[in-house]
Protein backbone atom coordinates (compact mmCIF):
# COMPACT_ATOMS: atom_id res chain seq x y z
CA MET A 1 23.91 -6.79 27.05
CA LYS A 2 21.67 -9.68 25.73
CA CYS A 3 18.65 -10.25 23.88
CA LYS A 4 15.28 -10.34 25.63
CA GLN A 5 14.91 -14.18 24.36
CA CYS A 6 18.28 -15.55 24.40
CA THR A 7 22.09 -14.94 24.91
CA GLU A 8 22.67 -13.50 21.41
CA LYS A 9 23.71 -9.69 20.87
CA PRO A 10 20.50 -7.52 20.37
CA VAL A 11 20.16 -5.68 17.19
CA ILE A 12 17.10 -3.58 18.19
CA ARG A 13 15.38 -1.98 21.04
CA LEU A 14 11.72 -1.89 20.84
CA THR A 15 10.27 1.28 21.59
CA ASN A 16 6.97 0.34 23.03
CA ASN A 17 8.16 -1.88 25.70
CA ASN A 18 12.11 -1.34 25.70
CA ILE A 19 12.74 -4.84 25.02
CA LYS A 20 15.89 -5.76 23.12
CA LEU A 21 15.79 -8.50 20.50
CA CYS A 22 18.47 -10.10 18.53
CA LYS A 23 18.02 -10.81 14.61
CA ASN A 24 16.61 -14.17 14.68
CA HIS A 25 13.69 -13.02 17.47
CA TYR A 26 13.15 -9.64 15.78
CA ILE A 27 12.30 -11.25 12.48
CA LYS A 28 10.01 -13.71 14.73
CA TYR A 29 8.66 -10.81 16.46
CA PHE A 30 7.82 -8.92 13.29
CA GLU A 31 6.09 -11.93 11.33
CA LYS A 32 4.22 -12.74 14.58
CA LYS A 33 2.89 -9.13 14.99
CA VAL A 34 1.90 -9.23 11.14
CA ARG A 35 0.31 -12.79 11.46
CA TYR A 36 -1.57 -11.08 14.42
CA THR A 37 -2.83 -8.18 12.44
CA ILE A 38 -4.40 -10.32 9.60
CA ASN A 39 -6.08 -12.70 11.92
CA LYS A 40 -7.31 -9.66 14.37
CA PHE A 41 -8.76 -8.00 11.16
CA ASN A 42 -9.63 -11.10 9.30
CA LEU A 43 -7.84 -10.24 6.26
CA ILE A 44 -7.51 -13.51 4.74
CA ASP A 45 -10.04 -16.05 4.04
CA ASP A 46 -9.99 -19.76 2.95
CA LYS A 47 -9.66 -20.03 -1.22
CA ASP A 48 -8.53 -16.62 -1.31
CA LYS A 49 -6.39 -15.66 -4.53
CA ILE A 50 -4.34 -12.80 -3.26
CA GLY A 51 -2.73 -10.40 -5.45
CA VAL A 52 0.25 -8.44 -3.63
CA ALA A 53 0.62 -5.03 -4.80
CA LEU A 54 4.41 -5.15 -5.75
CA SER A 55 6.96 -2.42 -6.25
CA GLY A 56 10.33 -3.90 -5.38
CA GLY A 57 10.53 -1.74 -2.37
CA LYS A 58 10.88 -3.01 1.28
CA ASP A 59 7.32 -2.80 2.17
CA SER A 60 5.64 -4.73 -0.77
CA ILE A 61 8.87 -7.24 -0.82
CA THR A 62 8.06 -7.86 2.81
CA VAL A 63 4.39 -8.40 2.54
CA LEU A 64 4.79 -10.67 -0.34
CA ASN A 65 7.62 -12.52 1.42
CA ILE A 66 5.26 -13.12 4.77
CA LEU A 67 1.84 -13.88 2.58
CA ASN A 68 4.00 -16.55 0.66
CA LYS A 69 5.36 -18.16 3.98
CA ILE A 70 1.60 -18.38 5.19
CA ARG A 71 0.68 -19.75 1.78
CA ARG A 72 2.99 -22.59 1.93
CA LYS A 73 1.14 -23.57 5.37
CA ARG A 74 -2.27 -22.59 4.18
CA LYS A 75 -2.46 -24.64 1.02
CA ASN A 76 -6.10 -23.46 0.31
CA ILE A 77 -5.09 -19.82 -0.94
CA GLU A 78 -3.39 -18.48 -3.55
CA ILE A 79 -0.70 -15.82 -4.01
CA GLU A 80 0.58 -13.82 -6.95
CA ALA A 81 2.17 -10.58 -7.60
CA ILE A 82 1.14 -7.51 -9.37
CA LEU A 83 3.55 -4.66 -10.44
CA ILE A 84 2.40 -1.12 -12.00
CA ASP A 85 5.24 0.42 -14.18
CA GLU A 86 4.86 4.15 -14.05
CA GLY A 87 7.31 4.99 -16.32
CA ILE A 88 9.92 6.69 -13.84
CA LYS A 89 13.21 6.79 -14.97
CA ASP A 90 15.70 5.90 -12.79
CA TYR A 91 13.35 4.67 -10.01
CA ARG A 92 10.87 2.37 -11.24
CA ASP A 93 12.94 0.68 -13.84
CA ILE A 94 15.51 0.00 -11.22
CA THR A 95 12.96 -1.15 -8.33
CA MET A 96 11.45 -3.64 -10.84
CA LYS A 97 14.51 -5.54 -11.14
CA ASP A 98 14.47 -6.28 -7.66
CA ALA A 99 10.76 -7.12 -7.62
CA VAL A 100 11.57 -9.69 -10.81
CA SER A 101 14.32 -10.99 -9.23
CA PHE A 102 12.49 -11.85 -5.82
CA CYS A 103 9.70 -13.43 -7.64
CA GLU A 104 12.00 -15.64 -9.70
CA GLU A 105 13.77 -16.74 -6.45
CA ASN A 106 10.77 -17.50 -4.68
CA ASN A 107 8.56 -19.11 -7.59
CA ILE A 108 5.77 -16.24 -7.23
CA LYS A 109 4.17 -15.49 -10.60
CA LEU A 110 4.77 -11.84 -11.39
CA ASN A 111 2.09 -9.94 -13.46
CA ILE A 112 3.27 -6.40 -14.89
CA PHE A 113 1.12 -3.73 -16.33
CA SER A 114 2.28 -0.16 -17.56
CA TYR A 115 1.04 3.30 -17.82
CA LYS A 116 2.43 3.30 -21.43
CA GLU A 117 0.43 0.30 -22.46
CA GLU A 118 -2.82 1.34 -20.70
CA PHE A 119 -3.11 5.38 -21.24
CA GLY A 120 -0.46 5.70 -24.06
CA TYR A 121 2.10 7.63 -21.89
CA THR A 122 4.80 7.23 -18.85
CA LEU A 123 4.37 9.15 -15.86
CA ASP A 124 7.44 11.24 -16.91
CA GLU A 125 5.70 11.96 -20.25
CA ILE A 126 2.75 13.13 -18.73
CA LEU A 127 4.03 15.47 -16.21
CA LYS A 128 6.13 17.19 -19.21
CA ARG A 129 2.42 17.83 -20.75
CA LEU A 130 0.08 18.22 -17.95
CA LYS A 131 0.39 21.05 -15.19
CA ILE A 132 -0.66 18.70 -12.46
CA MET A 133 0.36 17.45 -8.97
CA PRO A 134 2.46 14.25 -9.71
CA CYS A 135 0.92 12.21 -6.91
CA SER A 136 -2.71 13.32 -8.16
CA ILE A 137 -2.64 11.76 -11.62
CA CYS A 138 -0.41 8.58 -10.57
CA GLY A 139 -2.29 7.93 -7.58
CA THR A 140 -5.36 7.80 -9.71
CA PHE A 141 -3.77 5.73 -12.54
CA ARG A 142 -2.14 3.31 -10.13
CA ARG A 143 -5.67 2.76 -8.51
CA TYR A 144 -7.34 2.36 -11.53
CA LEU A 145 -4.85 -0.26 -13.14
CA LEU A 146 -4.59 -2.23 -9.72
CA ASN A 147 -8.15 -2.42 -9.55
CA LYS A 148 -9.04 -3.28 -13.26
CA LYS A 149 -5.93 -5.66 -13.66
CA SER A 150 -6.74 -7.48 -10.17
CA LYS A 151 -10.18 -8.30 -11.63
CA GLU A 152 -8.79 -9.66 -14.72
CA LEU A 153 -6.59 -11.79 -13.02
CA LYS A 154 -9.55 -12.79 -10.79
CA PHE A 155 -7.82 -11.82 -7.60
CA THR A 156 -10.35 -12.07 -4.47
CA LYS A 157 -7.94 -9.90 -2.57
CA LEU A 158 -5.34 -7.20 -3.38
CA ALA A 159 -2.87 -6.81 -0.52
CA THR A 160 -0.59 -3.32 -0.30
CA GLY A 161 2.57 -2.48 1.60
CA HIS A 162 0.69 0.41 3.25
CA ASN A 163 2.07 0.47 7.13
CA LEU A 164 1.59 2.30 10.14
CA ASP A 165 3.17 5.55 8.78
CA ASP A 166 1.17 5.71 5.86
CA GLU A 167 -2.18 5.07 7.44
CA SER A 168 -1.36 7.99 10.36
CA GLN A 169 -0.31 10.44 7.49
CA SER A 170 -3.63 9.60 5.47
CA ILE A 171 -5.92 9.80 8.48
CA LEU A 172 -4.37 13.42 9.57
CA MET A 173 -4.30 14.79 6.07
CA ASN A 174 -8.16 13.98 5.48
CA GLN A 175 -8.67 15.34 9.17
CA LEU A 176 -6.88 18.54 8.58
CA ARG A 177 -8.93 18.57 5.00
CA SER A 178 -12.36 17.92 6.96
CA ASN A 179 -12.47 15.07 4.25
CA MET A 180 -14.04 12.34 6.93
CA LYS A 181 -15.64 10.47 3.82
CA VAL A 182 -12.53 9.48 2.58
CA ASN A 183 -11.01 8.72 6.01
CA ALA A 184 -14.25 6.18 6.26
CA ARG A 185 -12.58 4.29 3.33
CA LEU A 186 -9.42 3.71 5.08
CA GLY A 187 -8.32 0.65 7.90
CA PRO A 188 -6.87 -2.53 7.51
CA ILE A 189 -9.57 -3.10 4.81
CA ASN A 190 -10.19 -0.77 2.24
CA GLY A 191 -13.69 0.81 1.43
CA VAL A 192 -17.17 1.23 2.75
CA LEU A 193 -19.39 -0.96 0.44
CA LYS A 194 -18.77 -4.16 -0.86
CA ASP A 195 -19.32 -4.20 -4.81
CA GLU A 196 -17.90 -6.52 -7.47
CA LYS A 197 -16.55 -3.76 -9.20
CA PHE A 198 -14.13 -3.52 -6.55
CA VAL A 199 -11.68 -6.13 -5.52
CA LYS A 200 -11.20 -5.81 -1.74
CA ARG A 201 -7.82 -4.35 -0.75
CA ILE A 202 -6.07 -5.48 2.42
CA LYS A 203 -3.01 -4.22 4.64
CA PRO A 204 -1.10 -6.55 6.44
CA LEU A 205 1.32 -4.29 7.83
CA TYR A 206 -1.39 -2.12 9.50
CA LEU A 207 0.23 -2.19 12.69
CA MET A 208 3.90 -1.87 11.82
CA SER A 209 5.97 1.26 11.50
CA GLU A 210 8.13 2.04 8.53
CA LYS A 211 11.11 1.53 10.84
CA GLU A 212 10.14 -1.69 11.82
CA THR A 213 9.65 -2.60 8.37
CA ALA A 214 12.95 -1.63 7.17
CA ILE A 215 14.98 -3.23 9.67
CA TYR A 216 12.88 -6.38 8.70
CA SER A 217 13.73 -6.11 5.42
CA PHE A 218 17.45 -5.53 6.13
CA LEU A 219 17.76 -8.21 8.41
CA LYS A 220 16.10 -10.60 5.92
CA GLY A 221 18.85 -9.34 3.37
CA PHE A 222 16.12 -8.52 0.69
CA ASN A 223 18.12 -6.99 -2.35
CA VAL A 224 15.87 -3.79 -2.15
CA LYS A 225 16.91 -0.44 -2.94
CA PHE A 226 15.89 2.22 0.33
CA SER A 227 14.97 4.91 -2.07
CA GLU A 228 12.15 7.10 -2.52
CA CYS A 229 10.01 8.31 -5.82
CA PRO A 230 11.51 11.28 -7.11
CA TYR A 231 8.06 13.00 -7.14
CA ALA A 232 7.39 12.16 -3.32
CA ASP A 233 8.83 15.57 -2.33
CA ILE A 234 6.09 17.32 -4.01
CA GLY A 235 2.92 17.67 -2.16
CA TYR A 236 0.97 17.66 0.91
CA ARG A 237 1.69 14.18 2.29
CA ASN A 238 5.40 15.22 2.34
CA GLU A 239 4.66 17.95 5.03
CA ILE A 240 2.56 15.59 6.96
CA ARG A 241 4.86 12.85 6.91
CA ASP A 242 7.62 15.44 8.03
CA LEU A 243 5.32 16.67 10.60
CA LEU A 244 4.36 13.52 12.21
CA ASN A 245 8.28 12.15 12.09
CA ASN A 246 9.33 15.22 14.31
CA LEU A 247 6.30 14.28 16.57
CA GLU A 248 7.21 10.68 16.94
CA ALA A 249 10.70 11.82 17.66
CA LYS A 250 9.53 13.86 20.48
CA TYR A 251 6.74 11.71 21.66
CA SER A 252 7.14 7.97 21.05
CA GLY A 253 4.07 6.40 20.20
CA THR A 254 2.65 9.25 18.14
CA LYS A 255 1.88 7.41 15.36
CA SER A 256 0.62 4.41 16.73
CA SER A 257 -2.03 6.50 18.87
CA ILE A 258 -3.37 8.34 15.93
CA VAL A 259 -4.18 4.92 14.20
CA ASN A 260 -5.48 3.19 17.40
CA SER A 261 -7.51 5.98 18.36
CA PHE A 262 -8.80 6.09 14.68
CA LEU A 263 -9.68 2.22 14.71
CA GLU A 264 -12.17 3.24 17.55
CA ILE A 265 -14.40 5.39 15.53
CA LEU A 266 -13.70 3.63 12.02
CA PRO A 267 -16.78 1.54 12.22
CA VAL A 268 -19.08 4.59 13.26
CA LEU A 269 -17.73 6.27 9.95
CA LYS A 270 -18.12 3.72 7.92
CA GLU A 271 -21.68 3.15 8.91
CA LYS A 272 -22.25 6.69 8.49
CA TYR A 273 -20.99 6.84 4.85
CA LYS A 274 -22.37 3.61 4.02
CA LEU A 275 -25.68 5.20 4.34
CA GLU A 276 -24.97 8.29 2.74
CA GLY A 277 -22.81 6.61 -0.16
CA LYS A 278 -23.52 6.94 -3.66
CA GLU A 279 -24.58 4.72 -6.18
CA ILE A 280 -21.46 3.29 -8.00
CA ASN A 281 -21.75 3.68 -11.55
CA SER A 282 -19.70 2.50 -14.38
CA CYS A 283 -17.76 4.98 -16.40
CA ILE A 284 -19.37 5.60 -19.85
CA LEU A 285 -15.85 5.51 -21.76
CA CYS A 286 -14.11 2.26 -19.92
CA GLY A 287 -16.68 0.65 -17.84
CA GLU A 288 -14.68 0.84 -14.55
CA PRO A 289 -16.52 2.18 -11.15
CA THR A 290 -17.17 5.64 -10.82
CA SER A 291 -19.48 7.85 -8.64
CA ARG A 292 -19.90 10.22 -11.86
CA GLU A 293 -20.50 9.89 -15.62
CA LYS A 294 -16.62 9.28 -16.14
CA CYS A 295 -14.27 8.21 -13.79
CA GLN A 296 -11.03 10.50 -13.20
CA ALA A 297 -8.64 8.26 -14.95
CA CYS A 298 -10.65 8.92 -18.18
CA VAL A 299 -10.92 12.40 -17.64
CA TYR A 300 -7.09 12.74 -17.24
CA VAL A 301 -6.60 10.83 -20.57
CA GLN A 302 -8.91 13.28 -22.44
CA ARG A 303 -7.10 16.12 -20.94
CA LEU A 304 -3.67 14.52 -22.26
CA LYS A 305 -5.33 13.88 -25.46
CA GLU A 306 -6.47 17.83 -25.74
CA GLU A 307 -3.22 19.08 -24.65
CA LEU A 308 -1.66 17.38 -27.85
CA ASN A 309 -4.11 18.67 -30.13
CA ASN A 310 -3.58 22.17 -29.12
């Protein structure tokens, strides 16, 4: 048994075309496909200052590594990393060490911000005080901080480690909830309307599966822990993830088909909700963008304060 490209022993068989590749040719295949994604969807422009949302996990370190390689060839773009410390004991404190180590080894500036500094509490402390789905409040605070701090750091783009699995899950979740307005914000470039209040988010791993990314990370020898957030098993997304994994195991290509068919209708969705979109206001408490009087992050912070006073 030989690699399709050379005489070396293969380490993986690509399920989409049954091609077997050795370590070096798989790494080349993966990086080429990510560059294809970037070019196909015009994710990077000249003079971009790109922030990479870094967690210390396989997806975000993979994105940072590949974008940093691109930066070495394209001298007119800048790359920095931004890490949000939610305050999850025995999880984020561990992955942060991997993130710091990777950035130091590759001479990449790392900017770290935390829930504790911004909101007064870690996520662990918040969940002891509020009866709320962990992913709901964590997602709100994380998006809030990433956007706010990216603006302060003058990033023109924010790259995330979302992959094919993440996107297919989000598409199906919103479809089953009849929430096409949220689906309109998905895609390789997030959002419907361009507004200076938001830093544009890009997804270089959009066409890469979680399995492909995990294999790349392992073969590259990245010092990452293949672990999940302890709160990840709580919530709707977890059930959708298991459903799609079961379908993918029986019918290879299911996730890819969901994303590719979604891309065909995405321009129509974006145009529809661009026309129907609400005016983007500024939160009366913090000044960050919101469609209402107060942003959801400030609403949660007020709830926390009320809980403490009771």
